[in-house]
Each structure stands twice: as C-alpha cells, then as structure tokens.
C-alpha cells in the first residue's frame, strides 16, 4: 500500500511539473530581431495606427499630454476591471528598461519580460500579426516620449481569473497569426487588412466574444456588447456598413458620417489616431472593410 501511495505521489509531482512547463509563456527566439533596427519616425506612424495613447494616456488627457503614457484608465469587463499600465520610458515605473525584444514578446506573444502571461485585454491576439520591424520602430518611438513616474496600478481581478498561468489555455485557443480575411487581395486591400486585423486591432471591439472572452472569428466585425455592460459596438461588415469606400475613409479622418452625425465614445479616439496616418492608409482600411464578408 505504501508503495502504491508513493507511486501516486511521484506521478502527481511529475504531472504537476509537466503542467507547469506546458503552461509557461512562449517567447520569441533571442535572435528574432537580429538585423532589425528601429526607426522612431516610422514608429510614430505605428504608434497612431496601434492606438497606444487611447488606452495608456491618462484619462481625459488632451494634446501633448496624450504622449504621456502613465496609464490609469480603467476597463471593466465580465472578468474584472483591468487598469492600463504605465508604458512610458520611465525606467522604474514604465518600460524604460525594456529592449525591443521585450516589446516584441509582449505584443506578439503576450509575455512580460518577467515571464508572465499578459491578460488579453492587452490586444496581443491582434498585435501577434504585426511585423517585427514595426514593433522595433514602435519601441524606438516610445523611448522618445516623456517618462512618467506614476506606478502601474494592479488589475482588479478575482479568482480564478487572477491565476495568470491559466492563460496558456486561452492562448492555445485564441492566439494565432492567421489572417481572418484570406484570398486574393490587392496591394491596397492587403495594407488595409494589416491595419485592421493587426495594428488597429479593430476586431477586439467590433467582433463578438465567446464565453471565454476570445473573438468569435466566424462573426468577424459584426458587432457585439460593450464589455462594461452598456451599449453595443456596431456591425462594420458590408451587411450594415453600406457607406462607400470614400465615405468610410473620410469618416476615419473627420469623424463625421455621411449623415452628418459624429463619432463618439472610444471611436472618437480611434478617429483622432487614424487622422495622423497618411490618406492612403485610411483608403486602404476602407478598401479592406468593403472586402470583409457580410455578417447579419
């Protein structure tokens, strides 16, 4: 009997060790960015396309204060309230000590420099498709911004969602690098796909979620409830968004719809970001949205 108990204990220890090893966050190879130099000028365009300031600037920040990325905005969800961290170049409280590879691991693998899983409220399920050149450029730009000494606040997440190691299962289900809209695309549509599916992470708001909080790609961009519990994100597939490509592109710069309504809420921040991009990028987003399969 004692031998049987001992064998069960050994098996349990081996199983636990195996589970701990399997649940470890993934990382890029140490050589992933070899030969890739970041350019801050290009990185500024990545910054606006990625909407970094919309989440990581202080609540109600305006003008140049939007470049002070001390965090603090709160994002309620069914899983708890997540608080945007400090991603300014402050070496103690921000990411001033991060390398470009650290940022690449965070954005494309959802892994912190300390080796922890990030919660997917940080949209790495979309950023995973970003090019490593763009990540290196973004890192170069972020390091030029003002450091903010504000410590990041902890997320307000209770059991069992506070067990970060369990996020390996979420990543197994939802972290992939396949394009949602496949097939033959023009160069313009391809650029739009990259901006929408990767950097712009539009699906994170405009795509319905599963019970586990992953994007339901079978209903890509067809809208869904706001996680905070009030309102809905609209369906932006051609089934509902029947504007012309020119009207879409103009809206992404001005914030005015063809009916002279205006963007509100978080979308107003998105428009503010996209207005910094060249006209051809907004036209590319519009071309891609016309290519998306309609979902009623």
C-alpha atoms as a PDB file:
ATOM      1  CA  UNK A   1       0.000   0.000   0.000  1.00  0.00           C
ATOM      2  CA  UNK A   2       2.810   2.362   0.887  1.00  0.00           C
ATOM      3  CA  UNK A   3       4.478   1.643  -2.462  1.00  0.00           C
ATOM      4  CA  UNK A   4       1.197   2.455  -4.228  1.00  0.00           C
ATOM      5  CA  UNK A   5       0.873   5.743  -2.364  1.00  0.00           C
ATOM      6  CA  UNK A   6       4.475   6.584  -3.175  1.00  0.00           C
ATOM      7  CA  UNK A   7       3.889   5.862  -6.870  1.00  0.00           C
ATOM      8  CA  UNK A   8       0.795   8.068  -6.916  1.00  0.00           C
ATOM      9  CA  UNK A   9       2.725  10.875  -5.260  1.00  0.00           C
ATOM     10  CA  UNK A  10       5.552  10.594  -7.794  1.00  0.00           C
ATOM     11  CA  UNK A  11       3.025  10.597 -10.646  1.00  0.00           C
ATOM     12  CA  UNK A  12       1.279  13.682  -9.222  1.00  0.00           C
ATOM     13  CA  UNK A  13       4.588  15.525  -8.912  1.00  0.00           C
ATOM     14  CA  UNK A  14       5.549  14.631 -12.489  1.00  0.00           C
ATOM     15  CA  UNK A  15       2.106  15.674 -13.785  1.00  0.00           C
ATOM     16  CA  UNK A  16       2.270  18.974 -11.917  1.00  0.00           C
ATOM     17  CA  UNK A  17       5.766  19.683 -13.225  1.00  0.00           C
ATOM     18  CA  UNK A  18       4.659  18.833 -16.750  1.00  0.00           C
ATOM     19  CA  UNK A  19       1.629  21.097 -16.464  1.00  0.00           C
ATOM     20  CA  UNK A  20       3.784  23.941 -15.130  1.00  0.00           C
ATOM     21  CA  UNK A  21       6.211  23.510 -18.028  1.00  0.00           C
ATOM     22  CA  UNK A  22       3.440  23.343 -20.639  1.00  0.00           C
ATOM     23  CA  UNK A  23       1.734  26.454 -19.248  1.00  0.00           C
ATOM     24  CA  UNK A  24       4.882  28.594 -19.431  1.00  0.00           C
ATOM     25  CA  UNK A  25       4.538  31.721 -21.617  1.00  0.00           C
ATOM     26  CA  UNK A  26       6.046  31.500 -25.089  1.00  0.00           C
ATOM     27  CA  UNK A  27       8.864  33.777 -26.195  1.00  0.00           C
ATOM     28  CA  UNK A  28      10.471  34.757 -29.454  1.00  0.00           C
ATOM     29  CA  UNK A  29      13.987  33.448 -30.102  1.00  0.00           C
ATOM     30  CA  UNK A  30      16.695  35.720 -28.686  1.00  0.00           C
ATOM     31  CA  UNK A  31      17.854  36.313 -32.261  1.00  0.00           C
ATOM     32  CA  UNK A  32      14.387  37.323 -33.556  1.00  0.00           C
ATOM     33  CA  UNK A  33      15.308  40.998 -34.005  1.00  0.00           C
ATOM     34  CA  UNK A  34      18.864  40.479 -35.209  1.00  0.00           C
ATOM     35  CA  UNK A  35      19.495  42.853 -38.091  1.00  0.00           C
ATOM     36  CA  UNK A  36      16.314  44.846 -37.400  1.00  0.00           C
ATOM     37  CA  UNK A  37      16.948  48.455 -36.385  1.00  0.00           C
ATOM     38  CA  UNK A  38      14.103  50.574 -35.039  1.00  0.00           C
ATOM     39  CA  UNK A  39      13.279  53.924 -36.623  1.00  0.00           C
ATOM     40  CA  UNK A  40      11.416  56.420 -34.425  1.00  0.00           C
ATOM     41  CA  UNK A  41       9.930  58.325 -37.364  1.00  0.00           C
ATOM     42  CA  UNK A  42       8.306  55.184 -38.736  1.00  0.00           C
ATOM     43  CA  UNK A  43       7.469  54.181 -35.191  1.00  0.00           C
ATOM     44  CA  UNK A  44       5.288  57.244 -34.724  1.00  0.00           C
ATOM     45  CA  UNK A  45       3.007  56.012 -37.501  1.00  0.00           C
ATOM     46  CA  UNK A  46       2.849  52.579 -35.838  1.00  0.00           C
ATOM     47  CA  UNK A  47       2.019  54.326 -32.558  1.00  0.00           C
ATOM     48  CA  UNK A  48      -1.023  56.093 -34.022  1.00  0.00           C
ATOM     49  CA  UNK A  49      -2.147  53.066 -36.026  1.00  0.00           C
ATOM     50  CA  UNK A  50      -1.942  50.927 -32.883  1.00  0.00           C
ATOM     51  CA  UNK A  51      -3.930  53.363 -30.757  1.00  0.00           C
ATOM     52  CA  UNK A  52      -1.426  53.258 -27.872  1.00  0.00           C
ATOM     53  CA  UNK A  53      -2.377  56.657 -26.450  1.00  0.00           C
ATOM     54  CA  UNK A  54      -6.094  55.838 -26.377  1.00  0.00           C
ATOM     55  CA  UNK A  55      -5.541  53.316 -23.589  1.00  0.00           C
ATOM     56  CA  UNK A  56      -2.254  54.266 -21.933  1.00  0.00           C
ATOM     57  CA  UNK A  57      -2.536  58.055 -21.656  1.00  0.00           C
ATOM     58  CA  UNK A  58      -4.152  59.387 -18.503  1.00  0.00           C
ATOM     59  CA  UNK A  59      -7.960  59.580 -18.561  1.00  0.00           C
ATOM     60  CA  UNK A  60      -9.127  62.780 -20.277  1.00  0.00           C
ATOM     61  CA  UNK A  61      -5.591  63.652 -21.459  1.00  0.00           C
ATOM     62  CA  UNK A  62      -5.517  66.173 -24.278  1.00  0.00           C
ATOM     63  CA  UNK A  63      -2.995  67.487 -26.824  1.00  0.00           C
ATOM     64  CA  UNK A  64       0.630  66.772 -25.868  1.00  0.00           C
ATOM     65  CA  UNK A  65      -0.456  65.069 -22.661  1.00  0.00           C
ATOM     66  CA  UNK A  66      -1.616  62.157 -24.818  1.00  0.00           C
ATOM     67  CA  UNK A  67       2.061  61.325 -25.257  1.00  0.00           C
ATOM     68  CA  UNK A  68       2.500  60.887 -21.502  1.00  0.00           C
ATOM     69  CA  UNK A  69       1.721  57.195 -21.234  1.00  0.00           C
ATOM     70  CA  UNK A  70       1.458  56.795 -17.474  1.00  0.00           C
ATOM     71  CA  UNK A  71      -1.638  54.576 -17.680  1.00  0.00           C
ATOM     72  CA  UNK A  72      -4.500  54.565 -15.228  1.00  0.00           C
ATOM     73  CA  UNK A  73      -7.540  54.151 -17.464  1.00  0.00           C
ATOM     74  CA  UNK A  74      -9.978  51.543 -16.176  1.00  0.00           C
ATOM     75  CA  UNK A  75     -11.575  48.889 -18.405  1.00  0.00           C
ATOM     76  CA  UNK A  76     -14.440  46.969 -16.734  1.00  0.00           C
ATOM     77  CA  UNK A  77     -15.267  43.540 -18.119  1.00  0.00           C
ATOM     78  CA  UNK A  78     -17.114  40.365 -17.071  1.00  0.00           C
ATOM     79  CA  UNK A  79     -13.764  39.030 -15.801  1.00  0.00           C
ATOM     80  CA  UNK A  80     -12.851  42.018 -13.625  1.00  0.00           C
ATOM     81  CA  UNK A  81     -11.571  45.546 -14.083  1.00  0.00           C
ATOM     82  CA  UNK A  82      -8.286  45.967 -15.909  1.00  0.00           C
ATOM     83  CA  UNK A  83      -6.182  49.088 -15.458  1.00  0.00           C
ATOM     84  CA  UNK A  84      -3.882  50.293 -18.230  1.00  0.00           C
ATOM     85  CA  UNK A  85      -0.238  50.192 -17.105  1.00  0.00           C
ATOM     86  CA  UNK A  86       2.487  52.786 -17.438  1.00  0.00           C
ATOM     87  CA  UNK A  87       4.270  52.267 -20.782  1.00  0.00           C
ATOM     88  CA  UNK A  88       6.254  55.498 -20.715  1.00  0.00           C
ATOM     89  CA  UNK A  89      10.065  55.262 -20.879  1.00  0.00           C
ATOM     90  CA  UNK A  90      10.370  55.776 -17.128  1.00  0.00           C
ATOM     91  CA  UNK A  91      12.974  53.172 -16.053  1.00  0.00           C
ATOM     92  CA  UNK A  92      11.319  52.356 -12.723  1.00  0.00           C
ATOM     93  CA  UNK A  93       7.584  52.583 -13.330  1.00  0.00           C
ATOM     94  CA  UNK A  94       7.330  52.287 -17.114  1.00  0.00           C
ATOM     95  CA  UNK A  95       9.127  50.343 -19.840  1.00  0.00           C
ATOM     96  CA  UNK A  96      12.324  52.377 -19.979  1.00  0.00           C
ATOM     97  CA  UNK A  97      14.319  49.246 -19.212  1.00  0.00           C
ATOM     98  CA  UNK A  98      12.712  47.181 -21.944  1.00  0.00           C
ATOM     99  CA  UNK A  99      14.522  46.136 -25.085  1.00  0.00           C
ATOM    100  CA  UNK A 100      12.832  45.996 -28.456  1.00  0.00           C
ATOM    101  CA  UNK A 101      12.726  42.219 -27.999  1.00  0.00           C
ATOM    102  CA  UNK A 102      10.873  42.654 -24.703  1.00  0.00           C
ATOM    103  CA  UNK A 103       8.261  44.739 -26.504  1.00  0.00           C
ATOM    104  CA  UNK A 104       8.036  42.161 -29.296  1.00  0.00           C
ATOM    105  CA  UNK A 105       7.444  39.380 -26.770  1.00  0.00           C
ATOM    106  CA  UNK A 106       4.733  41.461 -25.116  1.00  0.00           C
ATOM    107  CA  UNK A 107       2.961  42.385 -28.343  1.00  0.00           C
ATOM    108  CA  UNK A 108       3.252  39.150 -30.311  1.00  0.00           C
ATOM    109  CA  UNK A 109       3.391  36.536 -27.536  1.00  0.00           C
ATOM    110  CA  UNK A 110       1.571  38.217 -24.644  1.00  0.00           C
ATOM    111  CA  UNK A 111       4.591  37.577 -22.425  1.00  0.00           C
ATOM    112  CA  UNK A 112       6.138  40.023 -19.955  1.00  0.00           C
ATOM    113  CA  UNK A 113       9.900  40.484 -19.502  1.00  0.00           C
ATOM    114  CA  UNK A 114       9.477  38.692 -16.159  1.00  0.00           C
ATOM    115  CA  UNK A 115       7.995  35.679 -17.941  1.00  0.00           C
ATOM    116  CA  UNK A 116       4.317  36.110 -17.024  1.00  0.00           C
ATOM    117  CA  UNK A 117       1.272  35.870 -19.260  1.00  0.00           C
ATOM    118  CA  UNK A 118      -0.390  39.184 -20.003  1.00  0.00           C
ATOM    119  CA  UNK A 119      -4.154  39.366 -19.856  1.00  0.00           C
ATOM    120  CA  UNK A 120      -5.658  39.580 -23.363  1.00  0.00           C
ATOM    121  CA  UNK A 121      -7.235  42.948 -22.551  1.00  0.00           C
ATOM    122  CA  UNK A 122      -3.840  43.943 -23.983  1.00  0.00           C
ATOM    123  CA  UNK A 123      -4.747  43.068 -27.588  1.00  0.00           C
ATOM    124  CA  UNK A 124      -1.820  40.794 -28.368  1.00  0.00           C
ATOM    125  CA  UNK A 125      -4.226  38.411 -30.110  1.00  0.00           C
ATOM    126  CA  UNK A 126      -4.256  41.080 -32.845  1.00  0.00           C
ATOM    127  CA  UNK A 127      -0.751  42.511 -32.412  1.00  0.00           C
ATOM    128  CA  UNK A 128       0.602  38.975 -32.910  1.00  0.00           C
ATOM    129  CA  UNK A 129       0.267  39.628 -36.655  1.00  0.00           C
ATOM    130  CA  UNK A 130       2.377  42.793 -36.519  1.00  0.00           C
ATOM    131  CA  UNK A 131       5.728  42.747 -38.274  1.00  0.00           C
ATOM    132  CA  UNK A 132       8.814  42.714 -36.069  1.00  0.00           C
ATOM    133  CA  UNK A 133      10.090  45.735 -37.988  1.00  0.00           C
ATOM    134  CA  UNK A 134       7.014  47.696 -36.924  1.00  0.00           C
ATOM    135  CA  UNK A 135       7.489  46.570 -33.316  1.00  0.00           C
ATOM    136  CA  UNK A 136      11.126  47.691 -33.361  1.00  0.00           C
ATOM    137  CA  UNK A 137      10.104  51.037 -34.869  1.00  0.00           C
ATOM    138  CA  UNK A 138       7.416  51.473 -32.214  1.00  0.00           C
ATOM    139  CA  UNK A 139       9.943  50.744 -29.476  1.00  0.00           C
ATOM    140  CA  UNK A 140      12.263  53.417 -30.885  1.00  0.00           C
ATOM    141  CA  UNK A 141       9.437  55.962 -30.849  1.00  0.00           C
ATOM    142  CA  UNK A 142       8.198  55.075 -27.365  1.00  0.00           C
ATOM    143  CA  UNK A 143      11.679  55.697 -25.991  1.00  0.00           C
ATOM    144  CA  UNK A 144      11.480  59.316 -27.221  1.00  0.00           C
ATOM    145  CA  UNK A 145       8.341  60.114 -25.198  1.00  0.00           C
ATOM    146  CA  UNK A 146       8.240  61.829 -21.784  1.00  0.00           C
ATOM    147  CA  UNK A 147       8.868  59.495 -18.825  1.00  0.00           C
ATOM    148  CA  UNK A 148       6.045  59.345 -16.284  1.00  0.00           C
ATOM    149  CA  UNK A 149       6.868  58.316 -12.710  1.00  0.00           C
ATOM    150  CA  UNK A 150       3.378  57.019 -11.869  1.00  0.00           C
ATOM    151  CA  UNK A 151       3.410  53.358 -10.759  1.00  0.00           C
ATOM    152  CA  UNK A 152       1.094  50.993 -12.623  1.00  0.00           C
ATOM    153  CA  UNK A 153      -1.974  50.023 -10.599  1.00  0.00           C
ATOM    154  CA  UNK A 154      -2.785  46.314 -10.162  1.00  0.00           C
ATOM    155  CA  UNK A 155      -5.729  44.855 -12.041  1.00  0.00           C
ATOM    156  CA  UNK A 156      -8.863  44.205 -10.026  1.00  0.00           C
ATOM    157  CA  UNK A 157      -9.413  40.580 -10.962  1.00  0.00           C
ATOM    158  CA  UNK A 158     -10.633  37.866  -8.581  1.00  0.00           C
ATOM    159  CA  UNK A 159     -10.270  34.080  -8.518  1.00  0.00           C
ATOM    160  CA  UNK A 160      -9.994  32.153 -10.800  1.00  0.00           C
ATOM    161  CA  UNK A 161      -9.123  34.825 -13.354  1.00  0.00           C
ATOM    162  CA  UNK A 162      -6.233  36.076 -11.247  1.00  0.00           C
ATOM    163  CA  UNK A 163      -4.301  32.864 -11.968  1.00  0.00           C
ATOM    164  CA  UNK A 164      -2.212  34.110 -14.857  1.00  0.00           C
ATOM    165  CA  UNK A 165      -0.682  30.710 -15.549  1.00  0.00           C
ATOM    166  CA  UNK A 166      -4.090  29.507 -16.713  1.00  0.00           C
ATOM    167  CA  UNK A 167      -3.921  31.947 -19.621  1.00  0.00           C
ATOM    168  CA  UNK A 168      -1.849  29.418 -21.557  1.00  0.00           C
ATOM    169  CA  UNK A 169      -5.155  27.688 -22.314  1.00  0.00           C
ATOM    170  CA  UNK A 170      -6.682  30.931 -23.588  1.00  0.00           C
ATOM    171  CA  UNK A 171      -3.672  31.491 -25.817  1.00  0.00           C
ATOM    172  CA  UNK A 172      -3.886  27.937 -27.127  1.00  0.00           C
ATOM    173  CA  UNK A 173      -7.461  28.609 -28.231  1.00  0.00           C
ATOM    174  CA  UNK A 174      -7.238  32.184 -29.471  1.00  0.00           C
ATOM    175  CA  UNK A 175      -3.667  33.311 -30.145  1.00  0.00           C
ATOM    176  CA  UNK A 176      -2.924  32.649 -33.802  1.00  0.00           C
ATOM    177  CA  UNK A 177      -1.346  34.555 -36.649  1.00  0.00           C
ATOM    178  CA  UNK A 178      -3.678  33.568 -39.489  1.00  0.00           C
ATOM    179  CA  UNK A 179      -5.448  36.333 -41.373  1.00  0.00           C
ATOM    180  CA  UNK A 180      -9.198  36.368 -40.903  1.00  0.00           C
ATOM    181  CA  UNK A 181      -9.924  37.582 -44.420  1.00  0.00           C
ATOM    182  CA  UNK A 182      -7.936  35.400 -46.798  1.00  0.00           C
ATOM    183  CA  UNK A 183      -7.884  35.016 -50.569  1.00  0.00           C
ATOM    184  CA  UNK A 184      -6.648  37.260 -53.332  1.00  0.00           C
ATOM    185  CA  UNK A 185      -6.316  40.861 -52.212  1.00  0.00           C
ATOM    186  CA  UNK A 186      -4.999  43.910 -53.984  1.00  0.00           C
ATOM    187  CA  UNK A 187      -1.977  45.668 -52.501  1.00  0.00           C
ATOM    188  CA  UNK A 188      -4.318  48.290 -51.063  1.00  0.00           C
ATOM    189  CA  UNK A 189      -6.639  45.701 -49.515  1.00  0.00           C
ATOM    190  CA  UNK A 190      -3.652  43.835 -48.106  1.00  0.00           C
ATOM    191  CA  UNK A 191      -2.397  47.003 -46.416  1.00  0.00           C
ATOM    192  CA  UNK A 192      -5.892  47.611 -45.056  1.00  0.00           C
ATOM    193  CA  UNK A 193      -6.044  44.079 -43.694  1.00  0.00           C
ATOM    194  CA  UNK A 194      -2.769  44.627 -41.854  1.00  0.00           C
ATOM    195  CA  UNK A 195      -4.007  47.890 -40.352  1.00  0.00           C
ATOM    196  CA  UNK A 196      -7.406  46.475 -39.332  1.00  0.00           C
ATOM    197  CA  UNK A 197      -6.525  42.943 -38.227  1.00  0.00           C
ATOM    198  CA  UNK A 198      -3.094  43.635 -36.698  1.00  0.00           C
ATOM    199  CA  UNK A 199      -2.080  47.163 -35.691  1.00  0.00           C
ATOM    200  CA  UNK A 200      -5.541  48.725 -35.457  1.00  0.00           C
ATOM    201  CA  UNK A 201      -6.956  45.651 -33.625  1.00  0.00           C
ATOM    202  CA  UNK A 202     -10.452  46.666 -34.793  1.00  0.00           C
ATOM    203  CA  UNK A 203     -11.810  43.179 -34.161  1.00  0.00           C
ATOM    204  CA  UNK A 204     -11.124  43.478 -30.438  1.00  0.00           C
ATOM    205  CA  UNK A 205     -14.161  45.773 -30.141  1.00  0.00           C
ATOM    206  CA  UNK A 206     -16.215  45.051 -33.237  1.00  0.00           C
ATOM    207  CA  UNK A 207     -16.201  41.226 -33.099  1.00  0.00           C
ATOM    208  CA  UNK A 208     -18.468  39.218 -30.737  1.00  0.00           C
ATOM    209  CA  UNK A 209     -16.759  37.287 -27.947  1.00  0.00           C
ATOM    210  CA  UNK A 210     -17.040  33.686 -26.852  1.00  0.00           C
ATOM    211  CA  UNK A 211     -17.807  32.712 -23.255  1.00  0.00           C
ATOM    212  CA  UNK A 212     -14.049  32.637 -22.605  1.00  0.00           C
ATOM    213  CA  UNK A 213     -13.518  36.128 -24.000  1.00  0.00           C
ATOM    214  CA  UNK A 214     -11.932  35.194 -27.315  1.00  0.00           C
ATOM    215  CA  UNK A 215     -13.005  36.750 -30.590  1.00  0.00           C
ATOM    216  CA  UNK A 216     -15.593  34.689 -32.485  1.00  0.00           C
ATOM    217  CA  UNK A 217     -13.938  34.893 -35.890  1.00  0.00           C
ATOM    218  CA  UNK A 218     -16.935  33.322 -37.606  1.00  0.00           C
ATOM    219  CA  UNK A 219     -18.723  36.618 -36.927  1.00  0.00           C
ATOM    220  CA  UNK A 220     -15.783  38.881 -37.710  1.00  0.00           C
ATOM    221  CA  UNK A 221     -16.526  42.606 -37.265  1.00  0.00           C
ATOM    222  CA  UNK A 222     -20.269  42.008 -36.847  1.00  0.00           C
ATOM    223  CA  UNK A 223     -20.514  43.951 -33.589  1.00  0.00           C
ATOM    224  CA  UNK A 224     -21.163  42.963 -30.011  1.00  0.00           C
ATOM    225  CA  UNK A 225     -21.844  44.174 -26.492  1.00  0.00           C
ATOM    226  CA  UNK A 226     -19.542  46.660 -24.784  1.00  0.00           C
ATOM    227  CA  UNK A 227     -17.693  44.730 -22.014  1.00  0.00           C
ATOM    228  CA  UNK A 228     -18.622  47.355 -19.410  1.00  0.00           C
ATOM    229  CA  UNK A 229     -22.255  46.322 -19.926  1.00  0.00           C
ATOM    230  CA  UNK A 230     -23.794  49.351 -21.633  1.00  0.00           C
ATOM    231  CA  UNK A 231     -24.320  49.719 -25.377  1.00  0.00           C
ATOM    232  CA  UNK A 232     -23.040  47.782 -28.371  1.00  0.00           C
ATOM    233  CA  UNK A 233     -20.202  48.100 -30.800  1.00  0.00           C
ATOM    234  CA  UNK A 234     -21.680  48.345 -34.302  1.00  0.00           C
ATOM    235  CA  UNK A 235     -21.552  45.835 -37.116  1.00  0.00           C
ATOM    236  CA  UNK A 236     -18.993  47.190 -39.595  1.00  0.00           C
ATOM    237  CA  UNK A 237     -19.276  44.426 -42.187  1.00  0.00           C
ATOM    238  CA  UNK A 238     -20.910  45.343 -45.528  1.00  0.00           C
ATOM    239  CA  UNK A 239     -24.169  43.891 -44.175  1.00  0.00           C
ATOM    240  CA  UNK A 240     -24.631  47.043 -42.119  1.00  0.00           C
ATOM    241  CA  UNK A 241     -21.882  49.469 -43.121  1.00  0.00           C
ATOM    242  CA  UNK A 242     -23.163  50.465 -46.552  1.00  0.00           C
ATOM    243  CA  UNK A 243     -21.101  53.629 -46.984  1.00  0.00           C
ATOM    244  CA  UNK A 244     -18.869  53.987 -49.999  1.00  0.00           C
ATOM    245  CA  UNK A 245     -15.122  53.483 -49.586  1.00  0.00           C
ATOM    246  CA  UNK A 246     -14.604  57.233 -49.903  1.00  0.00           C
ATOM    247  CA  UNK A 247     -17.186  57.896 -47.191  1.00  0.00           C
ATOM    248  CA  UNK A 248     -15.504  55.420 -44.859  1.00  0.00           C
ATOM    249  CA  UNK A 249     -12.075  56.956 -45.462  1.00  0.00           C
ATOM    250  CA  UNK A 250     -13.432  60.448 -44.854  1.00  0.00           C
ATOM    251  CA  UNK A 251     -15.100  59.332 -41.601  1.00  0.00           C
ATOM    252  CA  UNK A 252     -11.789  57.895 -40.365  1.00  0.00           C
ATOM    253  CA  UNK A 253     -10.245  61.340 -40.725  1.00  0.00           C
ATOM    254  CA  UNK A 254     -13.060  63.738 -39.828  1.00  0.00           C
ATOM    255  CA  UNK A 255     -15.257  61.656 -37.548  1.00  0.00           C
ATOM    256  CA  UNK A 256     -18.355  62.751 -39.483  1.00  0.00           C
ATOM    257  CA  UNK A 257     -20.695  60.197 -41.007  1.00  0.00           C
ATOM    258  CA  UNK A 258     -22.370  60.726 -44.406  1.00  0.00           C
ATOM    259  CA  UNK A 259     -25.485  61.729 -42.411  1.00  0.00           C
ATOM    260  CA  UNK A 260     -23.507  64.424 -40.554  1.00  0.00           C
ATOM    261  CA  UNK A 261     -23.507  62.520 -37.280  1.00  0.00           C
ATOM    262  CA  UNK A 262     -20.173  62.349 -35.438  1.00  0.00           C
ATOM    263  CA  UNK A 263     -18.074  59.659 -33.818  1.00  0.00           C
ATOM    264  CA  UNK A 264     -18.463  59.396 -30.070  1.00  0.00           C
ATOM    265  CA  UNK A 265     -17.045  57.428 -27.165  1.00  0.00           C
ATOM    266  CA  UNK A 266     -13.904  55.442 -27.794  1.00  0.00           C
ATOM    267  CA  UNK A 267     -14.419  55.678 -31.550  1.00  0.00           C
ATOM    268  CA  UNK A 268     -13.704  59.408 -31.357  1.00  0.00           C
ATOM    269  CA  UNK A 269     -10.249  58.486 -30.018  1.00  0.00           C
ATOM    270  CA  UNK A 270      -9.772  55.987 -32.849  1.00  0.00           C
ATOM    271  CA  UNK A 271     -10.568  58.678 -35.416  1.00  0.00           C
ATOM    272  CA  UNK A 272      -8.160  61.037 -33.692  1.00  0.00           C
ATOM    273  CA  UNK A 273      -5.445  58.401 -34.017  1.00  0.00           C
ATOM    274  CA  UNK A 274      -6.186  57.498 -37.630  1.00  0.00           C
ATOM    275  CA  UNK A 275      -6.199  61.163 -38.630  1.00  0.00           C
ATOM    276  CA  UNK A 276      -2.410  61.071 -38.092  1.00  0.00           C
ATOM    277  CA  UNK A 277      -1.996  58.413 -40.791  1.00  0.00           C
ATOM    278  CA  UNK A 278      -1.443  59.210 -44.472  1.00  0.00           C
ATOM    279  CA  UNK A 279      -4.586  59.313 -46.654  1.00  0.00           C
ATOM    280  CA  UNK A 280      -3.592  56.122 -48.451  1.00  0.00           C
ATOM    281  CA  UNK A 281      -3.722  54.180 -45.170  1.00  0.00           C
ATOM    282  CA  UNK A 282      -7.284  55.323 -44.429  1.00  0.00           C
ATOM    283  CA  UNK A 283      -8.222  54.463 -48.013  1.00  0.00           C
ATOM    284  CA  UNK A 284      -6.663  51.025 -47.506  1.00  0.00           C
ATOM    285  CA  UNK A 285      -8.754  50.442 -44.373  1.00  0.00           C
ATOM    286  CA  UNK A 286     -11.878  51.408 -46.312  1.00  0.00           C
ATOM    287  CA  UNK A 287     -10.976  49.078 -49.187  1.00  0.00           C
ATOM    288  CA  UNK A 288     -10.451  46.211 -46.765  1.00  0.00           C
ATOM    289  CA  UNK A 289     -13.765  46.801 -44.986  1.00  0.00           C
ATOM    290  CA  UNK A 290     -15.557  46.566 -48.344  1.00  0.00           C
ATOM    291  CA  UNK A 291     -13.850  43.175 -48.797  1.00  0.00           C
ATOM    292  CA  UNK A 292     -14.967  41.719 -45.443  1.00  0.00           C
ATOM    293  CA  UNK A 293     -17.696  39.042 -45.794  1.00  0.00           C
ATOM    294  CA  UNK A 294     -21.077  40.471 -44.694  1.00  0.00           C
ATOM    295  CA  UNK A 295     -22.476  39.141 -41.426  1.00  0.00           C
ATOM    296  CA  UNK A 296     -26.057  39.924 -40.437  1.00  0.00           C
END
